[in-house]
Amino acid sequence: MFVMASVCATTASGAVKIRNLSPHGALIESAVLPVVGESLELKRGPLFAAGLVAWRHGNRAGLKFDRPIAVIDWLPAAHSAQQSVENAFQQVKAGLADNSRIELPVARDSNDPDQLRRVARALDLLADALADDEGIVVRHAEKLQVLDIASQILRKLANAED
């Protein structure tokens, strides 16, 4: 997880994970997402960004903002009230399932789609664990995005192998 936020649109509204964020758009992840081309508002505490869904694949969508945002304002350290909500969410999540254990993938056939997915999952768990530390997020936000992009590429490769 990079940061938690919410999306408000005509066809879908609810909590989302912001997996990648730039001044001009975001990559979000959620079980419920608006349709491609739909206008929406992305909200995090007192912040909001208006935009539209540029693309959607599975439980992820790319957003294009109407105006540039200040990314630093959206980071966990910027809003302690939002951070408290996220901490509570993490505690509930930890009580439901222990996702903190990162299972190391075993090197086998590099063309094995399941192995590619396991490596992508390990990268996701690593990024999530690192993103829980505000200092790391503030200092290394772009590097965390690289981990997320790497896991996305691995999933695309796995899907191409199927």
C-alpha atoms as a PDB file:
ATOM      1  CA  MET A   1       0.000   0.000   0.000  1.00  0.00           C
ATOM      2  CA  PHE A   2       1.199   3.476  -0.800  1.00  0.00           C
ATOM      3  CA  VAL A   3      -1.632   5.443   0.893  1.00  0.00           C
ATOM      4  CA  MET A   4      -5.342   4.977   1.513  1.00  0.00           C
ATOM      5  CA  ALA A   5      -7.918   7.328  -0.009  1.00  0.00           C
ATOM      6  CA  SER A   6     -11.476   7.247  -1.274  1.00  0.00           C
ATOM      7  CA  VAL A   7     -13.033   7.634  -4.680  1.00  0.00           C
ATOM      8  CA  CYS A   8     -16.394   9.218  -5.339  1.00  0.00           C
ATOM      9  CA  ALA A   9     -18.016   8.696  -8.750  1.00  0.00           C
ATOM     10  CA  THR A  10     -21.442   7.969 -10.188  1.00  0.00           C
ATOM     11  CA  THR A  11     -20.885   4.240 -10.825  1.00  0.00           C
ATOM     12  CA  ALA A  12     -18.612   3.446  -7.856  1.00  0.00           C
ATOM     13  CA  SER A  13     -17.488   4.959  -4.579  1.00  0.00           C
ATOM     14  CA  GLY A  14     -15.375   3.660  -1.728  1.00  0.00           C
ATOM     15  CA  ALA A  15     -11.933   3.115  -0.264  1.00  0.00           C
ATOM     16  CA  VAL A  16      -8.947   2.724  -2.586  1.00  0.00           C
ATOM     17  CA  LYS A  17      -5.224   2.183  -2.276  1.00  0.00           C
ATOM     18  CA  ILE A  18      -3.137   4.746  -4.105  1.00  0.00           C
ATOM     19  CA  ARG A  19      -0.353   2.577  -5.533  1.00  0.00           C
ATOM     20  CA  ASN A  20       1.350   5.319  -7.529  1.00  0.00           C
ATOM     21  CA  LEU A  21       0.904   9.082  -7.459  1.00  0.00           C
ATOM     22  CA  SER A  22       2.176  11.935  -9.587  1.00  0.00           C
ATOM     23  CA  PRO A  23       1.108  15.580  -9.916  1.00  0.00           C
ATOM     24  CA  HIS A  24      -0.992  14.645 -12.966  1.00  0.00           C
ATOM     25  CA  GLY A  25      -2.524  11.293 -12.051  1.00  0.00           C
ATOM     26  CA  ALA A  26      -2.628   8.179  -9.926  1.00  0.00           C
ATOM     27  CA  LEU A  27      -2.749   4.419 -10.051  1.00  0.00           C
ATOM     28  CA  ILE A  28      -5.444   3.189  -7.674  1.00  0.00           C
ATOM     29  CA  GLU A  29      -6.461  -0.273  -6.556  1.00  0.00           C
ATOM     30  CA  SER A  30      -9.832  -1.379  -5.210  1.00  0.00           C
ATOM     31  CA  ALA A  31     -12.442  -4.083  -5.546  1.00  0.00           C
ATOM     32  CA  VAL A  32     -14.914  -1.440  -6.761  1.00  0.00           C
ATOM     33  CA  LEU A  33     -13.798   1.039  -9.433  1.00  0.00           C
ATOM     34  CA  PRO A  34     -15.541   3.554 -11.713  1.00  0.00           C
ATOM     35  CA  VAL A  35     -15.712   2.878 -15.465  1.00  0.00           C
ATOM     36  CA  VAL A  36     -13.211   4.206 -18.009  1.00  0.00           C
ATOM     37  CA  GLY A  37     -13.908   7.814 -18.965  1.00  0.00           C
ATOM     38  CA  GLU A  38     -15.964   8.549 -15.846  1.00  0.00           C
ATOM     39  CA  SER A  39     -15.361  11.733 -13.861  1.00  0.00           C
ATOM     40  CA  LEU A  40     -14.487  11.258 -10.212  1.00  0.00           C
ATOM     41  CA  GLU A  41     -13.013  12.785  -7.081  1.00  0.00           C
ATOM     42  CA  LEU A  42     -10.095  11.210  -5.270  1.00  0.00           C
ATOM     43  CA  LYS A  43     -10.170  12.201  -1.581  1.00  0.00           C
ATOM     44  CA  ARG A  44      -7.673  11.852   1.247  1.00  0.00           C
ATOM     45  CA  GLY A  45      -8.558  13.659   4.444  1.00  0.00           C
ATOM     46  CA  PRO A  46      -9.144  17.306   3.509  1.00  0.00           C
ATOM     47  CA  LEU A  47      -7.511  16.858   0.088  1.00  0.00           C
ATOM     48  CA  PHE A  48      -9.270  16.067  -3.157  1.00  0.00           C
ATOM     49  CA  ALA A  49      -8.345  15.803  -6.807  1.00  0.00           C
ATOM     50  CA  ALA A  50     -10.907  15.865  -9.598  1.00  0.00           C
ATOM     51  CA  GLY A  51     -10.224  13.864 -12.709  1.00  0.00           C
ATOM     52  CA  LEU A  52     -11.284  10.918 -14.805  1.00  0.00           C
ATOM     53  CA  VAL A  53     -10.559   7.218 -15.197  1.00  0.00           C
ATOM     54  CA  ALA A  54      -8.041   6.945 -18.049  1.00  0.00           C
ATOM     55  CA  TRP A  55      -7.830   3.130 -18.016  1.00  0.00           C
ATOM     56  CA  ARG A  56      -8.936   0.169 -15.955  1.00  0.00           C
ATOM     57  CA  HIS A  57      -7.669  -3.396 -15.711  1.00  0.00           C
ATOM     58  CA  GLY A  58      -8.927  -5.817 -13.074  1.00  0.00           C
ATOM     59  CA  ASN A  59      -8.835  -4.153  -9.679  1.00  0.00           C
ATOM     60  CA  ARG A  60      -6.549  -1.302 -10.807  1.00  0.00           C
ATOM     61  CA  ALA A  61      -7.274   1.942 -12.606  1.00  0.00           C
ATOM     62  CA  GLY A  62      -5.275   4.879 -13.887  1.00  0.00           C
ATOM     63  CA  LEU A  63      -6.562   8.357 -13.105  1.00  0.00           C
ATOM     64  CA  LYS A  64      -5.826  11.607 -14.933  1.00  0.00           C
ATOM     65  CA  PHE A  65      -6.272  14.692 -12.769  1.00  0.00           C
ATOM     66  CA  ASP A  66      -7.893  17.876 -14.072  1.00  0.00           C
ATOM     67  CA  ARG A  67      -5.187  19.958 -12.351  1.00  0.00           C
ATOM     68  CA  PRO A  68      -1.756  19.127 -10.920  1.00  0.00           C
ATOM     69  CA  ILE A  69      -1.608  18.215  -7.211  1.00  0.00           C
ATOM     70  CA  ALA A  70       1.180  18.566  -4.651  1.00  0.00           C
ATOM     71  CA  VAL A  71       2.165  14.914  -4.105  1.00  0.00           C
ATOM     72  CA  ILE A  72       3.899  15.641  -0.783  1.00  0.00           C
ATOM     73  CA  ASP A  73       0.569  16.784   0.682  1.00  0.00           C
ATOM     74  CA  TRP A  74      -0.905  13.335  -0.009  1.00  0.00           C
ATOM     75  CA  LEU A  75       1.820  11.391   1.823  1.00  0.00           C
ATOM     76  CA  PRO A  76       1.078   9.855   5.247  1.00  0.00           C
ATOM     77  CA  ALA A  77       3.274  12.287   7.214  1.00  0.00           C
ATOM     78  CA  ALA A  78       1.312  15.270   5.891  1.00  0.00           C
ATOM     79  CA  HIS A  79      -1.976  14.470   7.678  1.00  0.00           C
ATOM     80  CA  SER A  80      -1.834  12.916  11.125  1.00  0.00           C
ATOM     81  CA  ALA A  81      -5.629  12.412  11.331  1.00  0.00           C
ATOM     82  CA  GLN A  82      -5.594  10.426   8.103  1.00  0.00           C
ATOM     83  CA  GLN A  83      -2.582   8.514   9.392  1.00  0.00           C
ATOM     84  CA  SER A  84      -4.572   7.540  12.482  1.00  0.00           C
ATOM     85  CA  VAL A  85      -7.304   6.150  10.241  1.00  0.00           C
ATOM     86  CA  GLU A  86      -4.726   4.216   8.239  1.00  0.00           C
ATOM     87  CA  ASN A  87      -3.109   2.841  11.397  1.00  0.00           C
ATOM     88  CA  ALA A  88      -6.497   1.637  12.631  1.00  0.00           C
ATOM     89  CA  PHE A  89      -7.159   0.048   9.220  1.00  0.00           C
ATOM     90  CA  GLN A  90      -3.808  -1.731   9.373  1.00  0.00           C
ATOM     91  CA  GLN A  91      -4.569  -3.069  12.859  1.00  0.00           C
ATOM     92  CA  VAL A  92      -7.939  -4.424  11.725  1.00  0.00           C
ATOM     93  CA  LYS A  93      -6.323  -5.927   8.651  1.00  0.00           C
ATOM     94  CA  ALA A  94      -3.600  -7.543  10.788  1.00  0.00           C
ATOM     95  CA  GLY A  95      -6.258  -9.052  13.029  1.00  0.00           C
ATOM     96  CA  LEU A  96      -8.037 -10.634  10.078  1.00  0.00           C
ATOM     97  CA  ALA A  97      -4.975 -12.069   8.373  1.00  0.00           C
ATOM     98  CA  ASP A  98      -1.242 -11.904   8.844  1.00  0.00           C
ATOM     99  CA  ASN A  99      -0.004 -10.655   5.473  1.00  0.00           C
ATOM    100  CA  SER A 100       3.327  -9.491   6.874  1.00  0.00           C
ATOM    101  CA  ARG A 101       5.197 -12.732   6.119  1.00  0.00           C
ATOM    102  CA  ILE A 102       6.866 -12.444   2.757  1.00  0.00           C
ATOM    103  CA  GLU A 103       7.307 -15.865   1.187  1.00  0.00           C
ATOM    104  CA  LEU A 104      10.483 -15.936  -0.844  1.00  0.00           C
ATOM    105  CA  PRO A 105       9.942 -17.247  -4.360  1.00  0.00           C
ATOM    106  CA  VAL A 106      11.992 -20.293  -5.302  1.00  0.00           C
ATOM    107  CA  ALA A 107      14.012 -19.874  -8.498  1.00  0.00           C
ATOM    108  CA  ARG A 108      12.740 -22.290 -11.133  1.00  0.00           C
ATOM    109  CA  ASP A 109      11.680 -21.735 -14.710  1.00  0.00           C
ATOM    110  CA  SER A 110      11.733 -17.984 -15.411  1.00  0.00           C
ATOM    111  CA  ASN A 111       8.805 -18.485 -17.824  1.00  0.00           C
ATOM    112  CA  ASP A 112       6.572 -20.005 -15.124  1.00  0.00           C
ATOM    113  CA  PRO A 113       3.551 -17.639 -14.773  1.00  0.00           C
ATOM    114  CA  ASP A 114       2.898 -18.754 -11.190  1.00  0.00           C
ATOM    115  CA  GLN A 115       6.465 -17.942 -10.205  1.00  0.00           C
ATOM    116  CA  LEU A 116       6.197 -14.517 -11.822  1.00  0.00           C
ATOM    117  CA  ARG A 117       3.020 -13.907  -9.797  1.00  0.00           C
ATOM    118  CA  ARG A 118       4.747 -15.058  -6.573  1.00  0.00           C
ATOM    119  CA  VAL A 119       7.618 -12.648  -7.194  1.00  0.00           C
ATOM    120  CA  ALA A 120       5.125  -9.842  -7.927  1.00  0.00           C
ATOM    121  CA  ARG A 121       3.292 -10.637  -4.672  1.00  0.00           C
ATOM    122  CA  ALA A 122       6.586 -10.609  -2.734  1.00  0.00           C
ATOM    123  CA  LEU A 123       7.377  -7.173  -4.206  1.00  0.00           C
ATOM    124  CA  ASP A 124       3.885  -5.939  -3.236  1.00  0.00           C
ATOM    125  CA  LEU A 125       4.332  -7.144   0.347  1.00  0.00           C
ATOM    126  CA  LEU A 126       7.770  -5.546   0.535  1.00  0.00           C
ATOM    127  CA  ALA A 127       6.433  -2.230  -0.767  1.00  0.00           C
ATOM    128  CA  ASP A 128       3.505  -2.390   1.669  1.00  0.00           C
ATOM    129  CA  ALA A 129       5.833  -3.062   4.606  1.00  0.00           C
ATOM    130  CA  LEU A 130       8.136  -0.201   3.612  1.00  0.00           C
ATOM    131  CA  ALA A 131       5.190   2.157   3.058  1.00  0.00           C
ATOM    132  CA  ASP A 132       4.122   1.621   6.684  1.00  0.00           C
ATOM    133  CA  ASP A 133       7.163   3.695   7.715  1.00  0.00           C
ATOM    134  CA  GLU A 134       6.418   7.398   7.156  1.00  0.00           C
ATOM    135  CA  GLY A 135      10.109   8.270   6.971  1.00  0.00           C
ATOM    136  CA  ILE A 136      10.703   5.783   4.188  1.00  0.00           C
ATOM    137  CA  VAL A 137       7.683   7.051   2.250  1.00  0.00           C
ATOM    138  CA  VAL A 138       8.815  10.667   2.531  1.00  0.00           C
ATOM    139  CA  ARG A 139      12.411   9.892   1.536  1.00  0.00           C
ATOM    140  CA  HIS A 140      11.794   7.140  -1.025  1.00  0.00           C
ATOM    141  CA  ALA A 141       8.306   7.596  -2.508  1.00  0.00           C
ATOM    142  CA  GLU A 142       9.526   7.281  -6.099  1.00  0.00           C
ATOM    143  CA  LYS A 143      11.518   4.134  -5.269  1.00  0.00           C
ATOM    144  CA  LEU A 144       8.401   2.575  -3.737  1.00  0.00           C
ATOM    145  CA  GLN A 145       6.627   3.337  -6.998  1.00  0.00           C
ATOM    146  CA  VAL A 146       9.398   1.465  -8.853  1.00  0.00           C
ATOM    147  CA  LEU A 147       8.640  -1.642  -6.753  1.00  0.00           C
ATOM    148  CA  ASP A 148       4.976  -1.331  -7.684  1.00  0.00           C
ATOM    149  CA  ILE A 149       5.770  -0.889 -11.374  1.00  0.00           C
ATOM    150  CA  ALA A 150       8.065  -3.945 -11.263  1.00  0.00           C
ATOM    151  CA  SER A 151       5.286  -6.067  -9.772  1.00  0.00           C
ATOM    152  CA  GLN A 152       2.874  -4.824 -12.460  1.00  0.00           C
ATOM    153  CA  ILE A 153       5.343  -5.793 -15.197  1.00  0.00           C
ATOM    154  CA  LEU A 154       5.787  -9.253 -13.680  1.00  0.00           C
ATOM    155  CA  ARG A 155       2.009  -9.752 -13.608  1.00  0.00           C
ATOM    156  CA  LYS A 156       1.735  -8.696 -17.263  1.00  0.00           C
ATOM    157  CA  LEU A 157       4.485 -11.143 -18.180  1.00  0.00           C
ATOM    158  CA  ALA A 158       2.712 -13.889 -16.221  1.00  0.00           C
ATOM    159  CA  ASN A 159      -0.561 -13.179 -18.018  1.00  0.00           C
ATOM    160  CA  ALA A 160       1.248 -13.267 -21.374  1.00  0.00           C
ATOM    161  CA  GLU A 161       2.694 -16.708 -20.498  1.00  0.00           C
ATOM    162  CA  ASP A 162      -0.757 -18.177 -19.666  1.00  0.00           C
END
